[in-house]
Amino acid sequence: MGASSRTKQQVDAALAAVEDADASDSDKAQMLMEIAMGLQQAPRDPEDLRAAVDLYRRAIALVPPNEALGAARIRARLSTALMAVPGSDAEAIKAARLEMTTAIATLTAEGSDAEIAEAEMNLGLICQTMAGMGLAPIQPAISAYQRALRTFDRTAFPKEFAILQNNLATAFLSMPFTDESGKLREALAVQAFEEALRVVTLIDQPVEYAMLQNNLGNALQYVSSAHRVENGFRALEAYDEALKVRTFRDMPEAYANTIANKANCMANLPDDPANPEAGNPRNVAAAVALLREAKRIFVARGVEDKAQAVAEAITELSSHLAPHGAFAPNAMH
């Protein structure tokens, strides 16, 4: 039996059970929502997500008109399911934004502060995804994250706070830096990563810690600042922190990403910060060695686009060994 047929049979059986249940429409809506949540939280294939979307919509249709808050809560979950539905077009993500915006209107009036903040956080993610697809500006995502941070503070909601700070930083960095305000946004991105690292620790959340340190290193490396060399050495420290978790043995591809980023940074730093005019042949040589290691890993794992990008970086560095390093390819996450 194919995955699609299996999912359909399960959904049909669930719908029949709900239909036969001696329960109110409100209770039936709750049952459908819980079935949809099960499909959404552990999907075995895309059809499970599409089935969850259908069940959420059926649940919303059953909610009595006087229970607007219950409908809004289901609508918010529908939006997150739509976010996860794969597809080559933008229909699902556009529908997700509409559903979340509609849900927030009711949640703001009747829901708890935490519910509102969670919805705003998800709206920010939807808007950021749309911005990445060229469908919307990034500013609505930033605004949604900032509204969520009014509730999801560092003390009471450390996990949500860290996620928001990371998302906020990546949103700032995705904006074009064609004017003076670009420097401020870069500085805000660095600050946001550092804020997240105040609650995410190496011991308790090692994977998240490594991701944040890698991203902080990228932000420091490319920030437009009069303190370029100082920021570069701070970036190296961040990459080394990330590499405490992102080891070749445990996380080979993430390890390759981070050593490639570290190499890019080293290639732009003087061997002796006190005498930058002397150039950086040692750092360039070390950078090339790291890039070659990263390339071997990417090739072995079949990550062709990254292998090609690193190969081009190796060629450029090896060809002219620029003393002050004009080398700045795209960072890897």
C-alpha atoms as a PDB file:
ATOM      1  CA  MET A   1       0.000   0.000   0.000  1.00  0.00           C
ATOM      2  CA  GLY A   2       1.389   3.414  -0.944  1.00  0.00           C
ATOM      3  CA  ALA A   3       1.918   6.180   1.594  1.00  0.00           C
ATOM      4  CA  SER A   4      -0.893   8.232   0.059  1.00  0.00           C
ATOM      5  CA  SER A   5      -3.390   5.354   0.321  1.00  0.00           C
ATOM      6  CA  ARG A   6      -2.342   4.584   3.895  1.00  0.00           C
ATOM      7  CA  THR A   7      -2.792   8.202   4.958  1.00  0.00           C
ATOM      8  CA  LYS A   8      -6.202   8.402   3.270  1.00  0.00           C
ATOM      9  CA  GLN A   9      -7.408   5.266   5.024  1.00  0.00           C
ATOM     10  CA  GLN A  10      -6.262   6.604   8.401  1.00  0.00           C
ATOM     11  CA  VAL A  11      -7.927   9.965   7.843  1.00  0.00           C
ATOM     12  CA  ASP A  12     -11.154   8.390   6.604  1.00  0.00           C
ATOM     13  CA  ALA A  13     -11.262   6.137   9.665  1.00  0.00           C
ATOM     14  CA  ALA A  14     -10.623   9.100  11.952  1.00  0.00           C
ATOM     15  CA  LEU A  15     -13.338  11.167  10.281  1.00  0.00           C
ATOM     16  CA  ALA A  16     -15.811   8.298  10.576  1.00  0.00           C
ATOM     17  CA  ALA A  17     -14.993   7.898  14.264  1.00  0.00           C
ATOM     18  CA  VAL A  18     -15.488  11.621  14.891  1.00  0.00           C
ATOM     19  CA  GLU A  19     -18.749  11.617  12.923  1.00  0.00           C
ATOM     20  CA  ASP A  20     -20.101   8.714  14.966  1.00  0.00           C
ATOM     21  CA  ALA A  21     -19.009  10.174  18.288  1.00  0.00           C
ATOM     22  CA  ASP A  22     -21.714  11.367  20.661  1.00  0.00           C
ATOM     23  CA  ALA A  23     -20.112  14.768  21.110  1.00  0.00           C
ATOM     24  CA  SER A  24     -20.722  18.458  20.482  1.00  0.00           C
ATOM     25  CA  ASP A  25     -19.385  20.210  17.417  1.00  0.00           C
ATOM     26  CA  SER A  26     -16.840  21.907  19.644  1.00  0.00           C
ATOM     27  CA  ASP A  27     -15.593  18.556  20.939  1.00  0.00           C
ATOM     28  CA  LYS A  28     -15.498  17.111  17.415  1.00  0.00           C
ATOM     29  CA  ALA A  29     -13.419  20.069  16.278  1.00  0.00           C
ATOM     30  CA  GLN A  30     -11.024  19.342  19.145  1.00  0.00           C
ATOM     31  CA  MET A  31     -10.789  15.673  18.089  1.00  0.00           C
ATOM     32  CA  LEU A  32     -10.021  16.609  14.483  1.00  0.00           C
ATOM     33  CA  MET A  33      -7.386  19.087  15.642  1.00  0.00           C
ATOM     34  CA  GLU A  34      -5.653  16.428  17.745  1.00  0.00           C
ATOM     35  CA  ILE A  35      -5.630  13.959  14.836  1.00  0.00           C
ATOM     36  CA  ALA A  36      -4.190  16.676  12.597  1.00  0.00           C
ATOM     37  CA  MET A  37      -1.530  17.500  15.182  1.00  0.00           C
ATOM     38  CA  GLY A  38      -0.458  13.847  15.243  1.00  0.00           C
ATOM     39  CA  LEU A  39      -0.012  13.827  11.470  1.00  0.00           C
ATOM     40  CA  GLN A  40       1.807  17.150  11.500  1.00  0.00           C
ATOM     41  CA  GLN A  41       4.205  16.356  14.340  1.00  0.00           C
ATOM     42  CA  ALA A  42       5.418  13.038  12.909  1.00  0.00           C
ATOM     43  CA  PRO A  43       4.790  13.153   9.145  1.00  0.00           C
ATOM     44  CA  ARG A  44       6.020  10.125   7.213  1.00  0.00           C
ATOM     45  CA  ASP A  45       5.597  11.854   3.856  1.00  0.00           C
ATOM     46  CA  PRO A  46       4.185  15.127   2.433  1.00  0.00           C
ATOM     47  CA  GLU A  47       0.723  13.581   2.136  1.00  0.00           C
ATOM     48  CA  ASP A  48       0.506  13.495   5.935  1.00  0.00           C
ATOM     49  CA  LEU A  49       0.973  17.265   6.049  1.00  0.00           C
ATOM     50  CA  ARG A  50      -1.657  17.841   3.375  1.00  0.00           C
ATOM     51  CA  ALA A  51      -4.051  15.598   5.304  1.00  0.00           C
ATOM     52  CA  ALA A  52      -3.342  17.606   8.463  1.00  0.00           C
ATOM     53  CA  VAL A  53      -4.171  20.814   6.605  1.00  0.00           C
ATOM     54  CA  ASP A  54      -7.501  19.331   5.482  1.00  0.00           C
ATOM     55  CA  LEU A  55      -8.350  18.148   9.004  1.00  0.00           C
ATOM     56  CA  TYR A  56      -7.557  21.550  10.537  1.00  0.00           C
ATOM     57  CA  ARG A  57      -9.862  23.197   7.993  1.00  0.00           C
ATOM     58  CA  ARG A  58     -12.642  20.721   8.772  1.00  0.00           C
ATOM     59  CA  ALA A  59     -12.133  21.417  12.469  1.00  0.00           C
ATOM     60  CA  ILE A  60     -12.415  25.178  11.973  1.00  0.00           C
ATOM     61  CA  ALA A  61     -15.673  24.676  10.054  1.00  0.00           C
ATOM     62  CA  LEU A  62     -17.122  22.785  13.035  1.00  0.00           C
ATOM     63  CA  VAL A  63     -16.286  25.365  15.706  1.00  0.00           C
ATOM     64  CA  PRO A  64     -19.444  27.196  16.865  1.00  0.00           C
ATOM     65  CA  PRO A  65     -19.556  30.923  16.000  1.00  0.00           C
ATOM     66  CA  ASN A  66     -19.407  31.914  19.663  1.00  0.00           C
ATOM     67  CA  GLU A  67     -16.064  30.149  20.175  1.00  0.00           C
ATOM     68  CA  ALA A  68     -13.809  32.455  18.156  1.00  0.00           C
ATOM     69  CA  LEU A  69     -10.784  31.833  20.377  1.00  0.00           C
ATOM     70  CA  GLY A  70     -10.947  28.078  19.801  1.00  0.00           C
ATOM     71  CA  ALA A  71     -11.150  28.631  16.047  1.00  0.00           C
ATOM     72  CA  ALA A  72      -8.178  31.015  16.188  1.00  0.00           C
ATOM     73  CA  ARG A  73      -6.066  28.417  18.005  1.00  0.00           C
ATOM     74  CA  ILE A  74      -6.840  25.806  15.358  1.00  0.00           C
ATOM     75  CA  ARG A  75      -6.184  28.364  12.620  1.00  0.00           C
ATOM     76  CA  ALA A  76      -2.741  29.092  14.062  1.00  0.00           C
ATOM     77  CA  ARG A  77      -1.916  25.374  13.920  1.00  0.00           C
ATOM     78  CA  LEU A  78      -3.243  25.207  10.362  1.00  0.00           C
ATOM     79  CA  SER A  79      -0.827  27.979   9.450  1.00  0.00           C
ATOM     80  CA  THR A  80       2.173  26.067  10.812  1.00  0.00           C
ATOM     81  CA  ALA A  81       1.110  22.973   8.845  1.00  0.00           C
ATOM     82  CA  LEU A  82       0.845  25.043   5.662  1.00  0.00           C
ATOM     83  CA  MET A  83       4.359  26.365   6.323  1.00  0.00           C
ATOM     84  CA  ALA A  84       5.672  22.814   6.275  1.00  0.00           C
ATOM     85  CA  VAL A  85       3.886  21.645   3.113  1.00  0.00           C
ATOM     86  CA  PRO A  86       6.494  21.215   0.361  1.00  0.00           C
ATOM     87  CA  GLY A  87       5.818  22.643  -3.066  1.00  0.00           C
ATOM     88  CA  SER A  88       7.371  24.502  -5.951  1.00  0.00           C
ATOM     89  CA  ASP A  89       4.905  27.392  -5.825  1.00  0.00           C
ATOM     90  CA  ALA A  90       4.140  29.919  -3.110  1.00  0.00           C
ATOM     91  CA  GLU A  91       0.471  29.126  -2.552  1.00  0.00           C
ATOM     92  CA  ALA A  92       0.970  27.262   0.732  1.00  0.00           C
ATOM     93  CA  ILE A  93       3.194  29.913   2.327  1.00  0.00           C
ATOM     94  CA  LYS A  94       0.822  32.689   1.213  1.00  0.00           C
ATOM     95  CA  ALA A  95      -2.089  30.778   2.727  1.00  0.00           C
ATOM     96  CA  ALA A  96      -0.047  30.289   5.908  1.00  0.00           C
ATOM     97  CA  ARG A  97       0.444  34.049   6.249  1.00  0.00           C
ATOM     98  CA  LEU A  98      -3.265  34.720   5.755  1.00  0.00           C
ATOM     99  CA  GLU A  99      -4.290  32.097   8.331  1.00  0.00           C
ATOM    100  CA  MET A 100      -1.770  33.287  10.927  1.00  0.00           C
ATOM    101  CA  THR A 101      -2.696  36.935  10.444  1.00  0.00           C
ATOM    102  CA  THR A 102      -6.378  36.031  10.871  1.00  0.00           C
ATOM    103  CA  ALA A 103      -5.617  33.987  13.986  1.00  0.00           C
ATOM    104  CA  ILE A 104      -3.564  36.782  15.554  1.00  0.00           C
ATOM    105  CA  ALA A 105      -6.464  39.225  15.222  1.00  0.00           C
ATOM    106  CA  THR A 106      -8.548  37.060  17.577  1.00  0.00           C
ATOM    107  CA  LEU A 107      -5.686  35.923  19.796  1.00  0.00           C
ATOM    108  CA  THR A 108      -4.703  39.539  20.435  1.00  0.00           C
ATOM    109  CA  ALA A 109      -8.191  40.245  21.748  1.00  0.00           C
ATOM    110  CA  GLU A 110      -8.861  37.032  23.669  1.00  0.00           C
ATOM    111  CA  GLY A 111      -5.727  34.872  23.914  1.00  0.00           C
ATOM    112  CA  SER A 112      -2.899  34.704  26.437  1.00  0.00           C
ATOM    113  CA  ASP A 113       0.313  36.687  26.030  1.00  0.00           C
ATOM    114  CA  ALA A 114       2.259  33.483  25.347  1.00  0.00           C
ATOM    115  CA  GLU A 115      -0.197  32.396  22.633  1.00  0.00           C
ATOM    116  CA  ILE A 116       0.063  35.769  20.945  1.00  0.00           C
ATOM    117  CA  ALA A 117       3.874  35.733  21.115  1.00  0.00           C
ATOM    118  CA  GLU A 118       4.061  32.216  19.657  1.00  0.00           C
ATOM    119  CA  ALA A 119       1.801  33.267  16.795  1.00  0.00           C
ATOM    120  CA  GLU A 120       3.903  36.382  16.157  1.00  0.00           C
ATOM    121  CA  MET A 121       7.064  34.274  16.150  1.00  0.00           C
ATOM    122  CA  ASN A 122       5.561  31.945  13.545  1.00  0.00           C
ATOM    123  CA  LEU A 123       4.293  34.889  11.514  1.00  0.00           C
ATOM    124  CA  GLY A 124       7.832  36.246  11.517  1.00  0.00           C
ATOM    125  CA  LEU A 125       9.131  32.945  10.197  1.00  0.00           C
ATOM    126  CA  ILE A 126       6.486  32.911   7.464  1.00  0.00           C
ATOM    127  CA  CYS A 127       7.346  36.468   6.428  1.00  0.00           C
ATOM    128  CA  GLN A 128      11.066  35.689   6.491  1.00  0.00           C
ATOM    129  CA  THR A 129      10.496  32.660   4.273  1.00  0.00           C
ATOM    130  CA  MET A 130       8.487  34.776   1.849  1.00  0.00           C
ATOM    131  CA  ALA A 131      11.224  37.414   1.825  1.00  0.00           C
ATOM    132  CA  GLY A 132      13.747  34.710   0.935  1.00  0.00           C
ATOM    133  CA  MET A 133      11.507  33.749  -1.988  1.00  0.00           C
ATOM    134  CA  GLY A 134      11.366  37.351  -3.174  1.00  0.00           C
ATOM    135  CA  LEU A 135       7.652  37.612  -2.380  1.00  0.00           C
ATOM    136  CA  ALA A 136       7.745  40.214   0.389  1.00  0.00           C
ATOM    137  CA  PRO A 137      10.108  42.614   2.182  1.00  0.00           C
ATOM    138  CA  ILE A 138      11.914  41.405   5.287  1.00  0.00           C
ATOM    139  CA  GLN A 139      10.701  44.227   7.577  1.00  0.00           C
ATOM    140  CA  PRO A 140       7.364  42.538   8.526  1.00  0.00           C
ATOM    141  CA  ALA A 141       9.343  39.529   9.787  1.00  0.00           C
ATOM    142  CA  ILE A 142      11.555  41.749  11.932  1.00  0.00           C
ATOM    143  CA  SER A 143       8.518  43.550  13.344  1.00  0.00           C
ATOM    144  CA  ALA A 144       6.799  40.258  14.206  1.00  0.00           C
ATOM    145  CA  TYR A 145       9.904  38.922  15.980  1.00  0.00           C
ATOM    146  CA  GLN A 146      10.228  42.148  17.951  1.00  0.00           C
ATOM    147  CA  ARG A 147       6.560  41.959  19.035  1.00  0.00           C
ATOM    148  CA  ALA A 148       7.107  38.355  20.160  1.00  0.00           C
ATOM    149  CA  LEU A 149      10.113  39.424  22.243  1.00  0.00           C
ATOM    150  CA  ARG A 150       7.856  41.633  24.366  1.00  0.00           C
ATOM    151  CA  THR A 151       6.625  38.402  25.965  1.00  0.00           C
ATOM    152  CA  PHE A 152       9.340  35.857  25.184  1.00  0.00           C
ATOM    153  CA  ASP A 153      12.031  37.436  27.331  1.00  0.00           C
ATOM    154  CA  ARG A 154      15.346  35.919  28.339  1.00  0.00           C
ATOM    155  CA  THR A 155      14.292  35.000  31.885  1.00  0.00           C
ATOM    156  CA  ALA A 156      10.847  33.442  31.485  1.00  0.00           C
ATOM    157  CA  PHE A 157      11.179  31.956  27.977  1.00  0.00           C
ATOM    158  CA  PRO A 158      14.898  31.303  27.318  1.00  0.00           C
ATOM    159  CA  LYS A 159      14.321  28.784  24.499  1.00  0.00           C
ATOM    160  CA  GLU A 160      11.927  31.008  22.555  1.00  0.00           C
ATOM    161  CA  PHE A 161      14.113  34.051  23.285  1.00  0.00           C
ATOM    162  CA  ALA A 162      17.146  32.352  21.717  1.00  0.00           C
ATOM    163  CA  ILE A 163      15.205  31.261  18.630  1.00  0.00           C
ATOM    164  CA  LEU A 164      13.856  34.766  18.148  1.00  0.00           C
ATOM    165  CA  GLN A 165      17.252  36.387  18.528  1.00  0.00           C
ATOM    166  CA  ASN A 166      18.779  34.007  15.973  1.00  0.00           C
ATOM    167  CA  ASN A 167      15.917  34.607  13.526  1.00  0.00           C
ATOM    168  CA  LEU A 168      16.078  38.354  14.096  1.00  0.00           C
ATOM    169  CA  ALA A 169      19.818  38.380  13.417  1.00  0.00           C
ATOM    170  CA  THR A 170      19.507  36.412  10.184  1.00  0.00           C
ATOM    171  CA  ALA A 171      16.693  38.744   9.117  1.00  0.00           C
ATOM    172  CA  PHE A 172      18.873  41.807   9.720  1.00  0.00           C
ATOM    173  CA  LEU A 173      21.699  40.233   7.726  1.00  0.00           C
ATOM    174  CA  SER A 174      19.413  39.430   4.801  1.00  0.00           C
ATOM    175  CA  MET A 175      18.652  43.107   4.205  1.00  0.00           C
ATOM    176  CA  PRO A 176      20.641  44.964   1.525  1.00  0.00           C
ATOM    177  CA  PHE A 177      23.465  47.073   2.956  1.00  0.00           C
ATOM    178  CA  THR A 178      23.408  49.872   0.445  1.00  0.00           C
ATOM    179  CA  ASP A 179      23.096  52.761   2.888  1.00  0.00           C
ATOM    180  CA  GLU A 180      24.410  53.896   6.261  1.00  0.00           C
ATOM    181  CA  SER A 181      21.616  52.090   8.102  1.00  0.00           C
ATOM    182  CA  GLY A 182      23.143  48.837   6.854  1.00  0.00           C
ATOM    183  CA  LYS A 183      25.988  49.186   9.342  1.00  0.00           C
ATOM    184  CA  LEU A 184      23.487  49.562  12.162  1.00  0.00           C
ATOM    185  CA  ARG A 185      21.614  46.441  11.071  1.00  0.00           C
ATOM    186  CA  GLU A 186      24.854  44.457  10.959  1.00  0.00           C
ATOM    187  CA  ALA A 187      25.664  45.609  14.480  1.00  0.00           C
ATOM    188  CA  LEU A 188      22.148  44.668  15.605  1.00  0.00           C
ATOM    189  CA  ALA A 189      22.621  41.195  14.094  1.00  0.00           C
ATOM    190  CA  VAL A 190      25.838  40.657  16.039  1.00  0.00           C
ATOM    191  CA  GLN A 191      24.109  41.867  19.195  1.00  0.00           C
ATOM    192  CA  ALA A 192      21.189  39.495  18.620  1.00  0.00           C
ATOM    193  CA  PHE A 193      23.465  36.456  18.238  1.00  0.00           C
ATOM    194  CA  GLU A 194      25.295  37.464  21.416  1.00  0.00           C
ATOM    195  CA  GLU A 195      21.979  37.855  23.255  1.00  0.00           C
ATOM    196  CA  ALA A 196      20.957  34.349  22.212  1.00  0.00           C
ATOM    197  CA  LEU A 197      24.267  32.991  23.481  1.00  0.00           C
ATOM    198  CA  ARG A 198      23.496  34.394  26.916  1.00  0.00           C
ATOM    199  CA  VAL A 199      20.875  31.681  27.362  1.00  0.00           C
ATOM    200  CA  VAL A 200      22.132  28.879  25.091  1.00  0.00           C
ATOM    201  CA  THR A 201      25.073  27.002  26.613  1.00  0.00           C
ATOM    202  CA  LEU A 202      27.606  24.503  25.360  1.00  0.00           C
ATOM    203  CA  ILE A 203      26.615  21.984  28.029  1.00  0.00           C
ATOM    204  CA  ASP A 204      22.829  22.209  27.876  1.00  0.00           C
ATOM    205  CA  GLN A 205      22.156  22.947  24.174  1.00  0.00           C
ATOM    206  CA  PRO A 206      25.336  21.995  22.283  1.00  0.00           C
ATOM    207  CA  VAL A 207      23.862  21.859  18.762  1.00  0.00           C
ATOM    208  CA  GLU A 208      22.098  25.214  19.110  1.00  0.00           C
ATOM    209  CA  TYR A 209      25.205  26.680  20.765  1.00  0.00           C
ATOM    210  CA  ALA A 210      27.379  25.620  17.835  1.00  0.00           C
ATOM    211  CA  MET A 211      24.910  26.988  15.288  1.00  0.00           C
ATOM    212  CA  LEU A 212      24.793  30.345  17.045  1.00  0.00           C
ATOM    213  CA  GLN A 213      28.575  30.560  17.374  1.00  0.00           C
ATOM    214  CA  ASN A 214      28.992  29.738  13.682  1.00  0.00           C
ATOM    215  CA  ASN A 215      26.423  32.374  12.751  1.00  0.00           C
ATOM    216  CA  LEU A 216      28.015  34.912  15.089  1.00  0.00           C
ATOM    217  CA  GLY A 217      31.363  34.256  13.428  1.00  0.00           C
ATOM    218  CA  ASN A 218      29.823  34.880  10.005  1.00  0.00           C
ATOM    219  CA  ALA A 219      28.216  38.115  11.183  1.00  0.00           C
ATOM    220  CA  LEU A 220      31.446  39.381  12.756  1.00  0.00           C
ATOM    221  CA  GLN A 221      33.473  38.403   9.710  1.00  0.00           C
ATOM    222  CA  TYR A 222      31.416  40.388   7.228  1.00  0.00           C
ATOM    223  CA  VAL A 223      30.260  43.302   9.374  1.00  0.00           C
ATOM    224  CA  SER A 224      31.140  46.738   7.950  1.00  0.00           C
ATOM    225  CA  SER A 225      33.232  48.174  10.728  1.00  0.00           C
ATOM    226  CA  ALA A 226      36.332  50.216  11.397  1.00  0.00           C
ATOM    227  CA  HIS A 227      37.360  47.323  13.668  1.00  0.00           C
ATOM    228  CA  ARG A 228      37.630  44.761  10.879  1.00  0.00           C
ATOM    229  CA  VAL A 229      40.723  42.991  12.233  1.00  0.00           C
ATOM    230  CA  GLU A 230      39.431  42.928  15.807  1.00  0.00           C
ATOM    231  CA  ASN A 231      36.102  41.543  14.598  1.00  0.00           C
ATOM    232  CA  GLY A 232      37.934  38.962  12.517  1.00  0.00           C
ATOM    233  CA  PHE A 233      39.765  37.575  15.524  1.00  0.00           C
ATOM    234  CA  ARG A 234      36.513  37.559  17.501  1.00  0.00           C
ATOM    235  CA  ALA A 235      34.996  35.584  14.624  1.00  0.00           C
ATOM    236  CA  LEU A 236      37.805  33.016  14.835  1.00  0.00           C
ATOM    237  CA  GLU A 237      37.033  32.556  18.528  1.00  0.00           C
ATOM    238  CA  ALA A 238      33.361  32.001  17.685  1.00  0.00           C
ATOM    239  CA  TYR A 239      34.209  29.395  15.021  1.00  0.00           C
ATOM    240  CA  ASP A 240      36.480  27.584  17.473  1.00  0.00           C
ATOM    241  CA  GLU A 241      33.603  27.482  19.965  1.00  0.00           C
ATOM    242  CA  ALA A 242      31.349  26.010  17.275  1.00  0.00           C
ATOM    243  CA  LEU A 243      33.986  23.391  16.470  1.00  0.00           C
ATOM    244  CA  LYS A 244      33.821  22.087  20.045  1.00  0.00           C
ATOM    245  CA  VAL A 245      30.503  20.568  18.939  1.00  0.00           C
ATOM    246  CA  ARG A 246      30.763  20.436  15.153  1.00  0.00           C
ATOM    247  CA  THR A 247      33.429  17.745  14.972  1.00  0.00           C
ATOM    248  CA  PHE A 248      34.342  15.707  11.913  1.00  0.00           C
ATOM    249  CA  ARG A 249      33.284  12.532  13.687  1.00  0.00           C
ATOM    250  CA  ASP A 250      29.882  13.681  14.929  1.00  0.00           C
ATOM    251  CA  MET A 251      28.769  16.335  12.411  1.00  0.00           C
ATOM    252  CA  PRO A 252      30.967  16.109   9.300  1.00  0.00           C
ATOM    253  CA  GLU A 253      29.012  18.451   7.036  1.00  0.00           C
ATOM    254  CA  ALA A 254      28.483  21.090   9.736  1.00  0.00           C
ATOM    255  CA  TYR A 255      32.186  20.713  10.586  1.00  0.00           C
ATOM    256  CA  ALA A 256      33.080  21.373   6.936  1.00  0.00           C
ATOM    257  CA  ASN A 257      30.828  24.434   6.833  1.00  0.00           C
ATOM    258  CA  THR A 258      32.485  25.915   9.902  1.00  0.00           C
ATOM    259  CA  ILE A 259      36.087  25.246   8.890  1.00  0.00           C
ATOM    260  CA  ALA A 260      35.312  26.786   5.482  1.00  0.00           C
ATOM    261  CA  ASN A 261      33.970  29.875   7.241  1.00  0.00           C
ATOM    262  CA  LYS A 262      37.014  29.939   9.502  1.00  0.00           C
ATOM    263  CA  ALA A 263      39.278  29.684   6.463  1.00  0.00           C
ATOM    264  CA  ASN A 264      37.533  32.616   4.774  1.00  0.00           C
ATOM    265  CA  CYS A 265      38.097  34.654   7.924  1.00  0.00           C
ATOM    266  CA  MET A 266      41.771  33.693   8.314  1.00  0.00           C
ATOM    267  CA  ALA A 267      42.487  34.616   4.694  1.00  0.00           C
ATOM    268  CA  ASN A 268      41.504  38.205   5.478  1.00  0.00           C
ATOM    269  CA  LEU A 269      43.543  38.614   8.668  1.00  0.00           C
ATOM    270  CA  PRO A 270      47.192  39.666   9.038  1.00  0.00           C
ATOM    271  CA  ASP A 271      49.651  37.147  10.456  1.00  0.00           C
ATOM    272  CA  ASP A 272      50.749  39.792  12.972  1.00  0.00           C
ATOM    273  CA  PRO A 273      47.974  42.203  14.034  1.00  0.00           C
ATOM    274  CA  ALA A 274      50.633  44.620  15.267  1.00  0.00           C
ATOM    275  CA  ASN A 275      52.280  44.679  11.834  1.00  0.00           C
ATOM    276  CA  PRO A 276      49.555  44.207   9.207  1.00  0.00           C
ATOM    277  CA  GLU A 277      51.795  45.551   6.445  1.00  0.00           C
ATOM    278  CA  ALA A 278      53.820  42.340   6.662  1.00  0.00           C
ATOM    279  CA  GLY A 279      50.937  40.459   5.035  1.00  0.00           C
ATOM    280  CA  ASN A 280      49.408  37.119   5.897  1.00  0.00           C
ATOM    281  CA  PRO A 281      51.099  34.228   4.080  1.00  0.00           C
ATOM    282  CA  ARG A 282      50.808  31.959   7.115  1.00  0.00           C
ATOM    283  CA  ASN A 283      47.110  32.629   7.537  1.00  0.00           C
ATOM    284  CA  VAL A 284      46.480  32.150   3.819  1.00  0.00           C
ATOM    285  CA  ALA A 285      48.339  28.832   3.844  1.00  0.00           C
ATOM    286  CA  ALA A 286      46.341  27.670   6.860  1.00  0.00           C
ATOM    287  CA  ALA A 287      43.131  28.831   5.183  1.00  0.00           C
ATOM    288  CA  VAL A 288      43.895  26.860   2.019  1.00  0.00           C
ATOM    289  CA  ALA A 289      44.559  23.743   4.098  1.00  0.00           C
ATOM    290  CA  LEU A 290      41.187  24.113   5.859  1.00  0.00           C
ATOM    291  CA  LEU A 291      39.395  24.713   2.561  1.00  0.00           C
ATOM    292  CA  ARG A 292      40.941  21.585   1.059  1.00  0.00           C
ATOM    293  CA  GLU A 293      39.740  19.579   4.049  1.00  0.00           C
ATOM    294  CA  ALA A 294      36.249  21.054   3.677  1.00  0.00           C
ATOM    295  CA  LYS A 295      36.248  20.264  -0.035  1.00  0.00           C
ATOM    296  CA  ARG A 296      37.128  16.607   0.606  1.00  0.00           C
ATOM    297  CA  ILE A 297      34.219  16.303   3.018  1.00  0.00           C
ATOM    298  CA  PHE A 298      31.727  17.998   0.690  1.00  0.00           C
ATOM    299  CA  VAL A 299      32.824  15.806  -2.222  1.00  0.00           C
ATOM    300  CA  ALA A 300      32.586  12.652  -0.118  1.00  0.00           C
ATOM    301  CA  ARG A 301      29.074  13.603   1.002  1.00  0.00           C
ATOM    302  CA  GLY A 302      27.888  14.605  -2.459  1.00  0.00           C
ATOM    303  CA  VAL A 303      27.331  18.283  -1.609  1.00  0.00           C
ATOM    304  CA  GLU A 304      28.351  19.459  -5.056  1.00  0.00           C
ATOM    305  CA  ASP A 305      27.441  23.146  -4.789  1.00  0.00           C
ATOM    306  CA  LYS A 306      29.507  23.675  -1.648  1.00  0.00           C
ATOM    307  CA  ALA A 307      32.382  21.595  -3.007  1.00  0.00           C
ATOM    308  CA  GLN A 308      32.423  23.818  -6.102  1.00  0.00           C
ATOM    309  CA  ALA A 309      32.299  27.026  -4.069  1.00  0.00           C
ATOM    310  CA  VAL A 310      35.199  25.876  -1.902  1.00  0.00           C
ATOM    311  CA  ALA A 311      37.194  24.753  -4.953  1.00  0.00           C
ATOM    312  CA  GLU A 312      36.812  28.218  -6.462  1.00  0.00           C
ATOM    313  CA  ALA A 313      37.926  29.791  -3.197  1.00  0.00           C
ATOM    314  CA  ILE A 314      41.024  27.564  -3.110  1.00  0.00           C
ATOM    315  CA  THR A 315      41.903  28.548  -6.671  1.00  0.00           C
ATOM    316  CA  GLU A 316      41.536  32.246  -5.960  1.00  0.00           C
ATOM    317  CA  LEU A 317      43.557  32.146  -2.762  1.00  0.00           C
ATOM    318  CA  SER A 318      46.277  30.004  -4.270  1.00  0.00           C
ATOM    319  CA  SER A 319      46.606  32.209  -7.355  1.00  0.00           C
ATOM    320  CA  HIS A 320      47.447  35.531  -5.787  1.00  0.00           C
ATOM    321  CA  LEU A 321      47.722  35.064  -2.004  1.00  0.00           C
ATOM    322  CA  ALA A 322      46.522  38.610  -1.408  1.00  0.00           C
ATOM    323  CA  PRO A 323      48.346  40.072   1.622  1.00  0.00           C
ATOM    324  CA  HIS A 324      45.241  41.746   2.972  1.00  0.00           C
ATOM    325  CA  GLY A 325      42.766  39.280   1.508  1.00  0.00           C
ATOM    326  CA  ALA A 326      39.986  40.566  -0.672  1.00  0.00           C
ATOM    327  CA  PHE A 327      38.479  37.126  -0.424  1.00  0.00           C
ATOM    328  CA  ALA A 328      34.910  36.990   0.893  1.00  0.00           C
ATOM    329  CA  PRO A 329      32.694  34.232  -0.498  1.00  0.00           C
ATOM    330  CA  ASN A 330      29.284  33.384   0.884  1.00  0.00           C
ATOM    331  CA  ALA A 331      29.240  32.132   4.442  1.00  0.00           C
ATOM    332  CA  MET A 332      28.062  28.601   5.199  1.00  0.00           C
ATOM    333  CA  HIS A 333      25.658  27.698   7.972  1.00  0.00           C
END
